[in-house]
Amino acid sequence: MLKGVLGIFGPITTLLIILKLVGVIHWSWVWVLLPSWAPLVIGLIGVLLLSGSEK
């Protein structure tokens, strides 16, 4: 199930890159590529929250 949730970020990233390249959106590349590194950030936050609750 987790793969299905995180798998949505790939198509979103692809769509945003295409929209940026054809000039439909004028966002910074940081925002366009955000969905590609969002799963990593979400995972790190989860690990930090879980490691903090063990005390």
N, C-alpha and C. Protein backbone atom coordinates (compact mmCIF):
# COMPACT_ATOMS: atom_id res chain seq x y z
N MET A 1 0.81 -1.20 0.00
CA MET A 1 0.00 0.00 0.00
C MET A 1 0.85 1.26 0.00
N LEU A 2 1.95 1.22 0.73
CA LEU A 2 2.83 2.39 0.78
C LEU A 2 3.39 2.71 -0.60
N LYS A 3 3.70 1.67 -1.38
CA LYS A 3 4.22 1.91 -2.72
C LYS A 3 3.19 2.64 -3.58
N GLY A 4 1.91 2.31 -3.42
CA GLY A 4 0.86 2.98 -4.18
C GLY A 4 0.74 4.45 -3.83
N VAL A 5 0.92 4.77 -2.57
CA VAL A 5 0.83 6.16 -2.12
C VAL A 5 2.02 6.95 -2.64
N LEU A 6 3.22 6.39 -2.49
CA LEU A 6 4.42 7.10 -2.93
C LEU A 6 4.57 7.08 -4.45
N GLY A 7 3.95 6.13 -5.11
CA GLY A 7 4.04 6.02 -6.56
C GLY A 7 3.34 7.14 -7.30
N ILE A 8 2.50 7.88 -6.64
CA ILE A 8 1.78 8.98 -7.28
C ILE A 8 2.72 10.16 -7.57
N PHE A 9 3.82 10.24 -6.86
CA PHE A 9 4.72 11.39 -7.04
C PHE A 9 5.45 11.36 -8.39
N GLY A 10 5.68 10.18 -8.94
CA GLY A 10 6.36 10.08 -10.24
C GLY A 10 5.59 10.74 -11.37
N PRO A 11 4.32 10.35 -11.57
CA PRO A 11 3.54 10.99 -12.63
C PRO A 11 3.34 12.50 -12.40
N ILE A 12 3.20 12.90 -11.14
CA ILE A 12 3.04 14.33 -10.86
C ILE A 12 4.30 15.09 -11.25
N THR A 13 5.46 14.53 -10.90
CA THR A 13 6.73 15.17 -11.27
C THR A 13 6.86 15.28 -12.78
N THR A 14 6.54 14.20 -13.48
CA THR A 14 6.61 14.20 -14.94
C THR A 14 5.70 15.27 -15.54
N LEU A 15 4.49 15.35 -15.04
CA LEU A 15 3.54 16.35 -15.53
C LEU A 15 4.06 17.76 -15.28
N LEU A 16 4.58 18.02 -14.10
CA LEU A 16 5.08 19.36 -13.79
C LEU A 16 6.29 19.73 -14.66
N ILE A 17 7.16 18.76 -14.92
CA ILE A 17 8.32 19.02 -15.79
C ILE A 17 7.86 19.39 -17.20
N ILE A 18 6.89 18.63 -17.72
CA ILE A 18 6.37 18.92 -19.06
C ILE A 18 5.73 20.30 -19.10
N LEU A 19 4.93 20.61 -18.08
CA LEU A 19 4.29 21.93 -18.04
C LEU A 19 5.32 23.05 -17.95
N LYS A 20 6.39 22.82 -17.22
CA LYS A 20 7.45 23.83 -17.10
C LYS A 20 8.17 24.01 -18.44
N LEU A 21 8.47 22.90 -19.11
CA LEU A 21 9.22 22.98 -20.36
C LEU A 21 8.43 23.62 -21.50
N VAL A 22 7.11 23.42 -21.50
CA VAL A 22 6.31 24.03 -22.56
C VAL A 22 5.84 25.44 -22.21
N GLY A 23 6.17 25.89 -21.00
CA GLY A 23 5.90 27.26 -20.63
C GLY A 23 4.52 27.52 -20.04
N VAL A 24 3.82 26.47 -19.65
CA VAL A 24 2.49 26.65 -19.06
C VAL A 24 2.61 27.18 -17.64
N ILE A 25 3.58 26.67 -16.90
CA ILE A 25 3.82 27.17 -15.54
C ILE A 25 5.19 27.84 -15.50
N HIS A 26 5.32 28.81 -14.66
CA HIS A 26 6.57 29.57 -14.55
C HIS A 26 7.13 29.48 -13.14
N TRP A 27 7.06 28.27 -12.58
CA TRP A 27 7.55 28.05 -11.23
C TRP A 27 9.05 27.83 -11.25
N SER A 28 9.66 27.99 -10.09
CA SER A 28 11.07 27.64 -9.93
C SER A 28 11.22 26.13 -10.07
N TRP A 29 12.41 25.69 -10.53
CA TRP A 29 12.66 24.26 -10.68
C TRP A 29 12.58 23.54 -9.33
N VAL A 30 12.85 24.23 -8.25
CA VAL A 30 12.74 23.62 -6.92
C VAL A 30 11.32 23.13 -6.69
N TRP A 31 10.33 23.96 -7.03
CA TRP A 31 8.93 23.58 -6.83
C TRP A 31 8.48 22.53 -7.83
N VAL A 32 9.00 22.61 -9.05
CA VAL A 32 8.64 21.62 -10.07
C VAL A 32 9.13 20.23 -9.66
N LEU A 33 10.33 20.17 -9.09
CA LEU A 33 10.91 18.88 -8.72
C LEU A 33 10.55 18.43 -7.31
N LEU A 34 9.78 19.23 -6.59
CA LEU A 34 9.40 18.89 -5.22
C LEU A 34 8.80 17.49 -5.08
N PRO A 35 7.89 17.06 -5.95
CA PRO A 35 7.33 15.72 -5.78
C PRO A 35 8.36 14.60 -5.90
N SER A 36 9.49 14.84 -6.55
CA SER A 36 10.48 13.78 -6.70
C SER A 36 11.27 13.55 -5.42
N TRP A 37 11.41 14.56 -4.57
CA TRP A 37 12.13 14.34 -3.30
C TRP A 37 11.21 14.39 -2.09
N ALA A 38 9.93 14.62 -2.30
CA ALA A 38 8.98 14.63 -1.19
C ALA A 38 8.89 13.29 -0.45
N PRO A 39 8.90 12.13 -1.14
CA PRO A 39 8.85 10.87 -0.40
C PRO A 39 10.03 10.70 0.55
N LEU A 40 11.20 11.15 0.15
CA LEU A 40 12.38 11.07 1.02
C LEU A 40 12.17 11.92 2.27
N VAL A 41 11.69 13.13 2.10
CA VAL A 41 11.46 14.03 3.23
C VAL A 41 10.38 13.45 4.15
N ILE A 42 9.31 12.93 3.56
CA ILE A 42 8.24 12.33 4.37
C ILE A 42 8.79 11.14 5.15
N GLY A 43 9.60 10.32 4.52
CA GLY A 43 10.20 9.18 5.20
C GLY A 43 11.12 9.59 6.34
N LEU A 44 11.94 10.60 6.11
CA LEU A 44 12.84 11.08 7.16
C LEU A 44 12.06 11.65 8.35
N ILE A 45 11.00 12.37 8.07
CA ILE A 45 10.18 12.90 9.15
C ILE A 45 9.55 11.75 9.95
N GLY A 46 9.09 10.73 9.24
CA GLY A 46 8.52 9.57 9.91
C GLY A 46 9.53 8.86 10.80
N VAL A 47 10.75 8.70 10.29
CA VAL A 47 11.80 8.06 11.08
C VAL A 47 12.13 8.89 12.32
N LEU A 48 12.22 10.19 12.16
CA LEU A 48 12.50 11.06 13.30
C LEU A 48 11.38 11.01 14.34
N LEU A 49 10.15 10.99 13.89
CA LEU A 49 9.03 10.92 14.82
C LEU A 49 9.01 9.58 15.56
N LEU A 50 9.30 8.50 14.85
CA LEU A 50 9.30 7.18 15.47
C LEU A 50 10.47 7.02 16.44
N SER A 51 11.63 7.56 16.09
CA SER A 51 12.79 7.43 16.97
C SER A 51 12.64 8.30 18.21
N GLY A 52 11.90 9.40 18.10
CA GLY A 52 11.69 10.27 19.25
C GLY A 52 10.67 9.72 20.22
N SER A 53 9.79 8.84 19.73
CA SER A 53 8.74 8.31 20.61
C SER A 53 9.19 7.10 21.41
N GLU A 54 10.41 6.62 21.19
CA GLU A 54 10.92 5.45 21.91
C GLU A 54 11.45 5.79 23.30
N LYS A 55 11.55 7.03 23.62
CA LYS A 55 12.11 7.42 24.92
C LYS A 55 11.16 7.16 26.05
